[in-house]
Amino acid sequence: MKKMMLMAMMMVMTVTANAMSYKTAKKEALFLSDKMAYELNLTPAQYDDVYDINLDYMMSLNSRGDVYGSWWDRRDAKLRCVLTPWQYDRYRGLNHFYRPVMWKSGRWAFAVYAHYKRGHFYNHHPKPHHRHDPRHAPHHRHEPRHHGPHR
């Protein structure tokens, strides 16, 4: 029994060791959202929503299996509600936006850096609709405001 508990603890430690930190999630969501705002011509309200959605997604990443799991599906569904049909089609056609995170060589990799120089921003920081607390699980997140009918 003691051996099983030790193995279970080691497995939990391995998973949480891969979790993206709040600081990293916030930084990467901001950079990704800024580039999406630039390329997709987002309105200020859309930019705020996209940042919230991207931050929720980044904060949900605990292991390589999460990269294209249910939180990725949820991100895509939320973005579909926030973006216009033209913007959504463009987003889906740009892999560095559509699949922004990868797991390479035991660490997180961000596709947007293959297209944009680190540290360069086009927009002011968005105004998040809610405060993120890294102690809370991502399933208690805010739903984005809808712009028009559900597409």
N, C-alpha and C. Protein backbone atom coordinates (compact mmCIF):
# COMPACT_ATOMS: atom_id res chain seq x y z
N MET A 1 0.83 -1.19 0.00
CA MET A 1 0.00 0.00 0.00
C MET A 1 0.87 1.26 0.00
N LYS A 2 1.90 1.25 0.83
CA LYS A 2 2.80 2.40 0.92
C LYS A 2 3.50 2.64 -0.42
N LYS A 3 3.88 1.56 -1.09
CA LYS A 3 4.56 1.66 -2.38
C LYS A 3 3.62 2.26 -3.44
N MET A 4 2.34 1.85 -3.42
CA MET A 4 1.36 2.39 -4.37
C MET A 4 1.15 3.88 -4.14
N MET A 5 1.08 4.30 -2.88
CA MET A 5 0.91 5.72 -2.58
C MET A 5 2.11 6.53 -3.07
N LEU A 6 3.31 5.99 -2.88
CA LEU A 6 4.52 6.67 -3.34
C LEU A 6 4.51 6.80 -4.85
N MET A 7 4.12 5.75 -5.56
CA MET A 7 4.06 5.80 -7.03
C MET A 7 3.02 6.82 -7.49
N ALA A 8 1.87 6.86 -6.84
CA ALA A 8 0.83 7.82 -7.19
C ALA A 8 1.32 9.24 -6.98
N MET A 9 2.01 9.49 -5.87
CA MET A 9 2.55 10.83 -5.61
C MET A 9 3.57 11.22 -6.68
N MET A 10 4.41 10.28 -7.11
CA MET A 10 5.40 10.57 -8.13
C MET A 10 4.72 10.91 -9.45
N MET A 11 3.62 10.22 -9.79
CA MET A 11 2.91 10.51 -11.02
C MET A 11 2.30 11.90 -10.96
N VAL A 12 1.73 12.29 -9.86
CA VAL A 12 1.15 13.62 -9.71
C VAL A 12 2.24 14.67 -9.83
N MET A 13 3.39 14.42 -9.22
CA MET A 13 4.50 15.37 -9.29
C MET A 13 4.98 15.52 -10.73
N THR A 14 5.01 14.44 -11.49
CA THR A 14 5.44 14.51 -12.88
C THR A 14 4.48 15.36 -13.70
N VAL A 15 3.19 15.18 -13.50
CA VAL A 15 2.21 15.95 -14.25
C VAL A 15 2.30 17.42 -13.88
N THR A 16 2.35 17.74 -12.60
CA THR A 16 2.39 19.14 -12.21
C THR A 16 3.72 19.79 -12.55
N ALA A 17 4.78 19.02 -12.69
CA ALA A 17 6.06 19.60 -13.09
C ALA A 17 5.98 20.14 -14.51
N ASN A 18 5.06 19.59 -15.32
CA ASN A 18 4.90 20.04 -16.69
C ASN A 18 3.91 21.19 -16.82
N ALA A 19 3.15 21.47 -15.78
CA ALA A 19 2.13 22.51 -15.84
C ALA A 19 2.78 23.86 -16.16
N MET A 20 2.09 24.63 -16.99
CA MET A 20 2.58 25.95 -17.33
C MET A 20 2.34 26.88 -16.14
N SER A 21 3.32 27.66 -15.79
CA SER A 21 3.16 28.59 -14.67
C SER A 21 2.19 29.70 -15.05
N TYR A 22 1.60 30.32 -14.05
CA TYR A 22 0.68 31.44 -14.28
C TYR A 22 1.40 32.58 -15.00
N LYS A 23 2.61 32.87 -14.59
CA LYS A 23 3.39 33.96 -15.20
C LYS A 23 3.63 33.67 -16.69
N THR A 24 4.01 32.45 -17.01
CA THR A 24 4.24 32.07 -18.41
C THR A 24 2.94 32.10 -19.19
N ALA A 25 1.87 31.55 -18.62
CA ALA A 25 0.57 31.52 -19.30
C ALA A 25 0.12 32.94 -19.64
N LYS A 26 0.26 33.85 -18.70
CA LYS A 26 -0.15 35.23 -18.89
C LYS A 26 0.69 35.90 -19.99
N LYS A 27 1.99 35.70 -19.95
CA LYS A 27 2.90 36.28 -20.94
C LYS A 27 2.61 35.74 -22.34
N GLU A 28 2.43 34.44 -22.45
CA GLU A 28 2.21 33.83 -23.76
C GLU A 28 0.82 34.16 -24.31
N ALA A 29 -0.18 34.21 -23.44
CA ALA A 29 -1.53 34.57 -23.88
C ALA A 29 -1.55 36.01 -24.38
N LEU A 30 -0.84 36.89 -23.72
CA LEU A 30 -0.76 38.29 -24.14
C LEU A 30 -0.09 38.41 -25.50
N PHE A 31 1.03 37.75 -25.68
CA PHE A 31 1.76 37.83 -26.95
C PHE A 31 0.91 37.25 -28.09
N LEU A 32 0.33 36.08 -27.87
CA LEU A 32 -0.50 35.44 -28.89
C LEU A 32 -1.71 36.31 -29.23
N SER A 33 -2.38 36.83 -28.23
CA SER A 33 -3.58 37.65 -28.44
C SER A 33 -3.26 38.93 -29.19
N ASP A 34 -2.12 39.53 -28.88
CA ASP A 34 -1.69 40.74 -29.58
C ASP A 34 -1.51 40.47 -31.07
N LYS A 35 -0.91 39.35 -31.41
CA LYS A 35 -0.68 39.02 -32.83
C LYS A 35 -2.00 38.65 -33.52
N MET A 36 -2.89 38.01 -32.79
CA MET A 36 -4.22 37.70 -33.35
C MET A 36 -4.98 39.00 -33.61
N ALA A 37 -4.89 39.94 -32.68
CA ALA A 37 -5.56 41.24 -32.86
C ALA A 37 -5.03 41.94 -34.10
N TYR A 38 -3.73 41.88 -34.30
CA TYR A 38 -3.08 42.52 -35.44
C TYR A 38 -3.50 41.86 -36.76
N GLU A 39 -3.39 40.54 -36.84
CA GLU A 39 -3.66 39.85 -38.11
C GLU A 39 -5.15 39.67 -38.41
N LEU A 40 -5.96 39.60 -37.38
CA LEU A 40 -7.39 39.36 -37.59
C LEU A 40 -8.21 40.64 -37.48
N ASN A 41 -7.53 41.76 -37.26
CA ASN A 41 -8.20 43.06 -37.17
C ASN A 41 -9.32 43.04 -36.12
N LEU A 42 -8.95 42.61 -34.91
CA LEU A 42 -9.93 42.49 -33.83
C LEU A 42 -10.34 43.87 -33.31
N THR A 43 -11.58 43.97 -32.89
CA THR A 43 -12.04 45.16 -32.19
C THR A 43 -11.46 45.12 -30.77
N PRO A 44 -11.48 46.24 -30.06
CA PRO A 44 -11.00 46.20 -28.67
C PRO A 44 -11.75 45.17 -27.80
N ALA A 45 -13.06 45.06 -27.96
CA ALA A 45 -13.83 44.08 -27.18
C ALA A 45 -13.43 42.65 -27.55
N GLN A 46 -13.23 42.39 -28.85
CA GLN A 46 -12.79 41.06 -29.28
C GLN A 46 -11.41 40.76 -28.72
N TYR A 47 -10.53 41.75 -28.73
CA TYR A 47 -9.16 41.57 -28.21
C TYR A 47 -9.22 41.16 -26.73
N ASP A 48 -10.05 41.82 -25.96
CA ASP A 48 -10.20 41.48 -24.54
C ASP A 48 -10.70 40.04 -24.39
N ASP A 49 -11.71 39.66 -25.17
CA ASP A 49 -12.26 38.30 -25.11
C ASP A 49 -11.22 37.27 -25.54
N VAL A 50 -10.51 37.55 -26.62
CA VAL A 50 -9.51 36.61 -27.13
C VAL A 50 -8.40 36.41 -26.09
N TYR A 51 -7.99 37.48 -25.43
CA TYR A 51 -6.98 37.34 -24.38
C TYR A 51 -7.49 36.43 -23.27
N ASP A 52 -8.72 36.65 -22.80
CA ASP A 52 -9.29 35.80 -21.75
C ASP A 52 -9.32 34.34 -22.19
N ILE A 53 -9.75 34.09 -23.42
CA ILE A 53 -9.85 32.72 -23.94
C ILE A 53 -8.46 32.09 -24.03
N ASN A 54 -7.49 32.82 -24.56
CA ASN A 54 -6.14 32.28 -24.67
C ASN A 54 -5.51 32.04 -23.30
N LEU A 55 -5.76 32.93 -22.34
CA LEU A 55 -5.22 32.74 -21.01
C LEU A 55 -5.84 31.51 -20.35
N ASP A 56 -7.14 31.34 -20.49
CA ASP A 56 -7.79 30.14 -19.96
C ASP A 56 -7.16 28.88 -20.53
N TYR A 57 -6.93 28.89 -21.83
CA TYR A 57 -6.33 27.73 -22.50
C TYR A 57 -4.92 27.48 -21.97
N MET A 58 -4.11 28.53 -21.93
CA MET A 58 -2.72 28.37 -21.46
C MET A 58 -2.70 27.84 -20.02
N MET A 59 -3.60 28.36 -19.18
CA MET A 59 -3.63 27.93 -17.78
C MET A 59 -4.15 26.50 -17.63
N SER A 60 -4.82 25.98 -18.62
CA SER A 60 -5.33 24.62 -18.54
C SER A 60 -4.28 23.58 -18.91
N LEU A 61 -3.15 24.00 -19.43
CA LEU A 61 -2.12 23.07 -19.88
C LEU A 61 -1.31 22.52 -18.70
N ASN A 62 -1.51 21.24 -18.44
CA ASN A 62 -0.79 20.59 -17.35
C ASN A 62 0.16 19.52 -17.84
N SER A 63 -0.07 19.02 -19.05
CA SER A 63 0.79 17.99 -19.61
C SER A 63 0.68 18.04 -21.13
N ARG A 64 1.53 17.32 -21.80
CA ARG A 64 1.53 17.33 -23.27
C ARG A 64 0.19 16.87 -23.83
N GLY A 65 -0.53 16.02 -23.11
CA GLY A 65 -1.83 15.54 -23.56
C GLY A 65 -2.90 16.62 -23.60
N ASP A 66 -2.67 17.72 -22.90
CA ASP A 66 -3.65 18.82 -22.87
C ASP A 66 -3.56 19.74 -24.07
N VAL A 67 -2.47 19.67 -24.81
CA VAL A 67 -2.23 20.61 -25.91
C VAL A 67 -3.38 20.62 -26.90
N TYR A 68 -3.85 19.45 -27.31
CA TYR A 68 -4.96 19.38 -28.26
C TYR A 68 -6.13 18.60 -27.67
N GLY A 69 -6.32 18.71 -26.38
CA GLY A 69 -7.39 18.01 -25.69
C GLY A 69 -8.65 18.83 -25.62
N SER A 70 -9.44 18.57 -24.59
CA SER A 70 -10.75 19.22 -24.46
C SER A 70 -10.64 20.73 -24.28
N TRP A 71 -9.57 21.21 -23.64
CA TRP A 71 -9.43 22.67 -23.47
C TRP A 71 -9.10 23.35 -24.78
N TRP A 72 -8.39 22.64 -25.67
CA TRP A 72 -8.13 23.20 -27.00
C TRP A 72 -9.45 23.27 -27.77
N ASP A 73 -10.27 22.22 -27.68
CA ASP A 73 -11.59 22.23 -28.33
C ASP A 73 -12.45 23.38 -27.78
N ARG A 74 -12.40 23.56 -26.48
CA ARG A 74 -13.19 24.63 -25.85
C ARG A 74 -12.71 26.00 -26.32
N ARG A 75 -11.40 26.17 -26.43
CA ARG A 75 -10.83 27.44 -26.93
C ARG A 75 -11.36 27.72 -28.33
N ASP A 76 -11.31 26.72 -29.20
CA ASP A 76 -11.76 26.89 -30.57
C ASP A 76 -13.25 27.26 -30.61
N ALA A 77 -14.06 26.59 -29.81
CA ALA A 77 -15.50 26.88 -29.78
C ALA A 77 -15.77 28.30 -29.29
N LYS A 78 -15.05 28.74 -28.27
CA LYS A 78 -15.23 30.10 -27.76
C LYS A 78 -14.79 31.13 -28.79
N LEU A 79 -13.67 30.87 -29.47
CA LEU A 79 -13.21 31.81 -30.49
C LEU A 79 -14.20 31.89 -31.64
N ARG A 80 -14.81 30.79 -31.97
CA ARG A 80 -15.83 30.80 -33.03
C ARG A 80 -16.99 31.74 -32.68
N CYS A 81 -17.32 31.83 -31.40
CA CYS A 81 -18.39 32.72 -30.94
C CYS A 81 -17.98 34.19 -30.95
N VAL A 82 -16.71 34.45 -30.73
CA VAL A 82 -16.22 35.82 -30.59
C VAL A 82 -15.84 36.43 -31.94
N LEU A 83 -15.28 35.63 -32.83
CA LEU A 83 -14.79 36.14 -34.11
C LEU A 83 -15.90 36.18 -35.15
N THR A 84 -15.76 37.08 -36.10
CA THR A 84 -16.66 37.10 -37.24
C THR A 84 -16.33 35.89 -38.13
N PRO A 85 -17.22 35.52 -39.05
CA PRO A 85 -16.91 34.38 -39.93
C PRO A 85 -15.59 34.56 -40.68
N TRP A 86 -15.33 35.77 -41.18
CA TRP A 86 -14.08 36.02 -41.89
C TRP A 86 -12.88 35.83 -40.96
N GLN A 87 -12.96 36.39 -39.76
CA GLN A 87 -11.87 36.28 -38.81
C GLN A 87 -11.65 34.82 -38.39
N TYR A 88 -12.73 34.10 -38.17
CA TYR A 88 -12.61 32.71 -37.75
C TYR A 88 -11.96 31.86 -38.85
N ASP A 89 -12.37 32.07 -40.09
CA ASP A 89 -11.75 31.33 -41.21
C ASP A 89 -10.26 31.63 -41.30
N ARG A 90 -9.92 32.88 -41.15
CA ARG A 90 -8.49 33.29 -41.20
C ARG A 90 -7.72 32.66 -40.05
N TYR A 91 -8.27 32.73 -38.85
CA TYR A 91 -7.64 32.12 -37.66
C TYR A 91 -7.38 30.63 -37.89
N ARG A 92 -8.38 29.92 -38.42
CA ARG A 92 -8.22 28.48 -38.66
C ARG A 92 -7.17 28.18 -39.72
N GLY A 93 -6.96 29.13 -40.63
CA GLY A 93 -5.97 28.94 -41.68
C GLY A 93 -4.54 29.27 -41.28
N LEU A 94 -4.38 29.85 -40.11
CA LEU A 94 -3.04 30.22 -39.63
C LEU A 94 -2.68 29.30 -38.46
N ASN A 95 -1.86 28.31 -38.74
CA ASN A 95 -1.56 27.29 -37.75
C ASN A 95 -0.94 27.85 -36.47
N HIS A 96 -0.21 28.95 -36.57
CA HIS A 96 0.40 29.52 -35.36
C HIS A 96 -0.64 30.14 -34.44
N PHE A 97 -1.86 30.37 -34.93
CA PHE A 97 -2.97 30.80 -34.10
C PHE A 97 -3.86 29.61 -33.73
N TYR A 98 -4.14 28.77 -34.72
CA TYR A 98 -5.07 27.66 -34.53
C TYR A 98 -4.48 26.60 -33.59
N ARG A 99 -3.22 26.32 -33.71
CA ARG A 99 -2.53 25.35 -32.85
C ARG A 99 -1.31 26.04 -32.25
N PRO A 100 -1.55 26.91 -31.29
CA PRO A 100 -0.47 27.80 -30.82
C PRO A 100 0.58 27.17 -29.92
N VAL A 101 0.28 26.03 -29.29
CA VAL A 101 1.21 25.44 -28.33
C VAL A 101 1.56 24.02 -28.76
N MET A 102 2.82 23.68 -28.61
CA MET A 102 3.30 22.33 -28.88
C MET A 102 4.13 21.87 -27.69
N TRP A 103 4.36 20.59 -27.61
CA TRP A 103 5.23 20.03 -26.59
C TRP A 103 6.44 19.46 -27.33
N LYS A 104 7.60 20.07 -27.14
CA LYS A 104 8.81 19.64 -27.85
C LYS A 104 9.95 19.48 -26.85
N SER A 105 10.59 18.36 -26.91
CA SER A 105 11.77 18.08 -26.09
C SER A 105 11.52 18.37 -24.61
N GLY A 106 10.35 17.96 -24.12
CA GLY A 106 10.05 18.09 -22.72
C GLY A 106 9.69 19.49 -22.24
N ARG A 107 9.30 20.36 -23.16
CA ARG A 107 8.91 21.72 -22.76
C ARG A 107 7.88 22.28 -23.72
N TRP A 108 7.23 23.35 -23.28
CA TRP A 108 6.23 24.03 -24.10
C TRP A 108 6.93 24.81 -25.21
N ALA A 109 6.37 24.78 -26.40
CA ALA A 109 6.86 25.56 -27.53
C ALA A 109 5.68 26.32 -28.12
N PHE A 110 5.93 27.55 -28.56
CA PHE A 110 4.87 28.44 -29.03
C PHE A 110 5.11 28.80 -30.49
N ALA A 111 4.18 28.38 -31.34
CA ALA A 111 4.33 28.52 -32.79
C ALA A 111 4.40 29.97 -33.25
N VAL A 112 3.83 30.88 -32.51
CA VAL A 112 3.77 32.28 -32.93
C VAL A 112 5.18 32.89 -33.07
N TYR A 113 6.15 32.36 -32.33
CA TYR A 113 7.50 32.91 -32.39
C TYR A 113 8.23 32.58 -33.69
N ALA A 114 7.69 31.66 -34.47
CA ALA A 114 8.26 31.39 -35.79
C ALA A 114 7.89 32.50 -36.76
N HIS A 115 6.90 33.33 -36.39
CA HIS A 115 6.41 34.39 -37.27
C HIS A 115 6.63 35.79 -36.73
N TYR A 116 6.82 35.92 -35.43
CA TYR A 116 6.94 37.24 -34.80
C TYR A 116 8.12 37.27 -33.83
N LYS A 117 8.76 38.42 -33.78
CA LYS A 117 9.89 38.64 -32.88
C LYS A 117 9.38 38.80 -31.45
N ARG A 118 10.01 38.11 -30.52
CA ARG A 118 9.65 38.22 -29.11
C ARG A 118 9.73 39.67 -28.64
N GLY A 119 8.76 40.05 -27.81
CA GLY A 119 8.81 41.36 -27.19
C GLY A 119 8.18 42.50 -27.97
N HIS A 120 7.86 42.28 -29.24
CA HIS A 120 7.25 43.36 -30.05
C HIS A 120 5.73 43.25 -29.96
N PHE A 121 5.08 44.35 -29.55
CA PHE A 121 3.63 44.37 -29.42
C PHE A 121 3.03 45.45 -30.32
N TYR A 122 1.87 45.15 -30.85
CA TYR A 122 1.14 46.09 -31.71
C TYR A 122 0.08 46.87 -30.94
N ASN A 123 -0.40 46.32 -29.84
CA ASN A 123 -1.55 46.87 -29.11
C ASN A 123 -1.21 47.11 -27.64
N HIS A 124 -2.07 47.89 -26.99
CA HIS A 124 -1.99 48.03 -25.54
C HIS A 124 -2.47 46.72 -24.93
N HIS A 125 -2.16 46.51 -23.67
CA HIS A 125 -2.62 45.30 -23.00
C HIS A 125 -4.15 45.29 -22.94
N PRO A 126 -4.75 44.12 -23.13
CA PRO A 126 -6.21 44.03 -23.08
C PRO A 126 -6.71 44.25 -21.66
N LYS A 127 -8.01 44.48 -21.56
CA LYS A 127 -8.67 44.63 -20.26
C LYS A 127 -9.43 43.33 -20.00
N PRO A 128 -8.85 42.42 -19.24
CA PRO A 128 -9.53 41.15 -18.98
C PRO A 128 -10.87 41.37 -18.29
N HIS A 129 -11.82 40.50 -18.58
CA HIS A 129 -13.15 40.59 -18.01
C HIS A 129 -13.19 40.08 -16.58
N HIS A 130 -12.20 39.31 -16.21
CA HIS A 130 -12.16 38.76 -14.87
C HIS A 130 -10.71 38.61 -14.45
N ARG A 131 -10.49 38.58 -13.19
CA ARG A 131 -9.14 38.38 -12.67
C ARG A 131 -8.87 36.89 -12.61
N HIS A 132 -7.71 36.51 -13.11
CA HIS A 132 -7.31 35.10 -13.05
C HIS A 132 -6.54 34.88 -11.76
N ASP A 133 -6.87 33.83 -11.10
CA ASP A 133 -6.17 33.45 -9.89
C ASP A 133 -5.56 32.08 -10.16
N PRO A 134 -4.26 31.97 -10.15
CA PRO A 134 -3.62 30.70 -10.50
C PRO A 134 -3.99 29.55 -9.57
N ARG A 135 -4.61 29.84 -8.43
CA ARG A 135 -5.00 28.78 -7.51
C ARG A 135 -6.31 28.13 -7.91
N HIS A 136 -7.06 28.75 -8.83
CA HIS A 136 -8.35 28.21 -9.23
C HIS A 136 -8.21 27.38 -10.50
N ALA A 137 -8.97 26.31 -10.55
CA ALA A 137 -8.94 25.43 -11.72
C ALA A 137 -9.58 26.14 -12.90
N PRO A 138 -9.15 25.83 -14.14
CA PRO A 138 -9.67 26.51 -15.31
C PRO A 138 -11.13 26.22 -15.62
N HIS A 139 -11.77 25.26 -14.98
CA HIS A 139 -13.17 24.97 -15.29
C HIS A 139 -14.12 25.99 -14.68
N HIS A 140 -13.62 26.98 -13.94
CA HIS A 140 -14.46 28.03 -13.36
C HIS A 140 -14.25 29.34 -14.10
N ARG A 141 -14.15 29.28 -15.39
CA ARG A 141 -13.81 30.45 -16.18
C ARG A 141 -15.04 31.18 -16.71
N HIS A 142 -14.82 32.42 -17.03
CA HIS A 142 -15.83 33.30 -17.62
C HIS A 142 -16.08 32.90 -19.07
N GLU A 143 -17.30 32.97 -19.49
CA GLU A 143 -17.66 32.75 -20.89
C GLU A 143 -17.52 34.08 -21.62
N PRO A 144 -16.98 34.10 -22.84
CA PRO A 144 -16.81 35.37 -23.54
C PRO A 144 -18.16 35.97 -23.95
N ARG A 145 -18.13 37.27 -24.10
CA ARG A 145 -19.33 37.94 -24.61
C ARG A 145 -19.51 37.54 -26.07
N HIS A 146 -20.73 37.38 -26.47
CA HIS A 146 -21.01 37.02 -27.86
C HIS A 146 -21.22 38.28 -28.68
N HIS A 147 -20.71 38.26 -29.88
CA HIS A 147 -20.87 39.37 -30.82
C HIS A 147 -21.78 38.89 -31.94
N GLY A 148 -23.07 39.12 -31.76
CA GLY A 148 -24.03 38.69 -32.77
C GLY A 148 -24.47 37.26 -32.52
N PRO A 149 -25.19 36.68 -33.46
CA PRO A 149 -25.72 35.32 -33.28
C PRO A 149 -24.60 34.28 -33.29
N HIS A 150 -24.86 33.18 -32.63
CA HIS A 150 -23.89 32.08 -32.59
C HIS A 150 -23.70 31.53 -34.01
N ARG A 151 -22.46 31.37 -34.41
CA ARG A 151 -22.17 30.89 -35.76
C ARG A 151 -21.80 29.44 -35.72
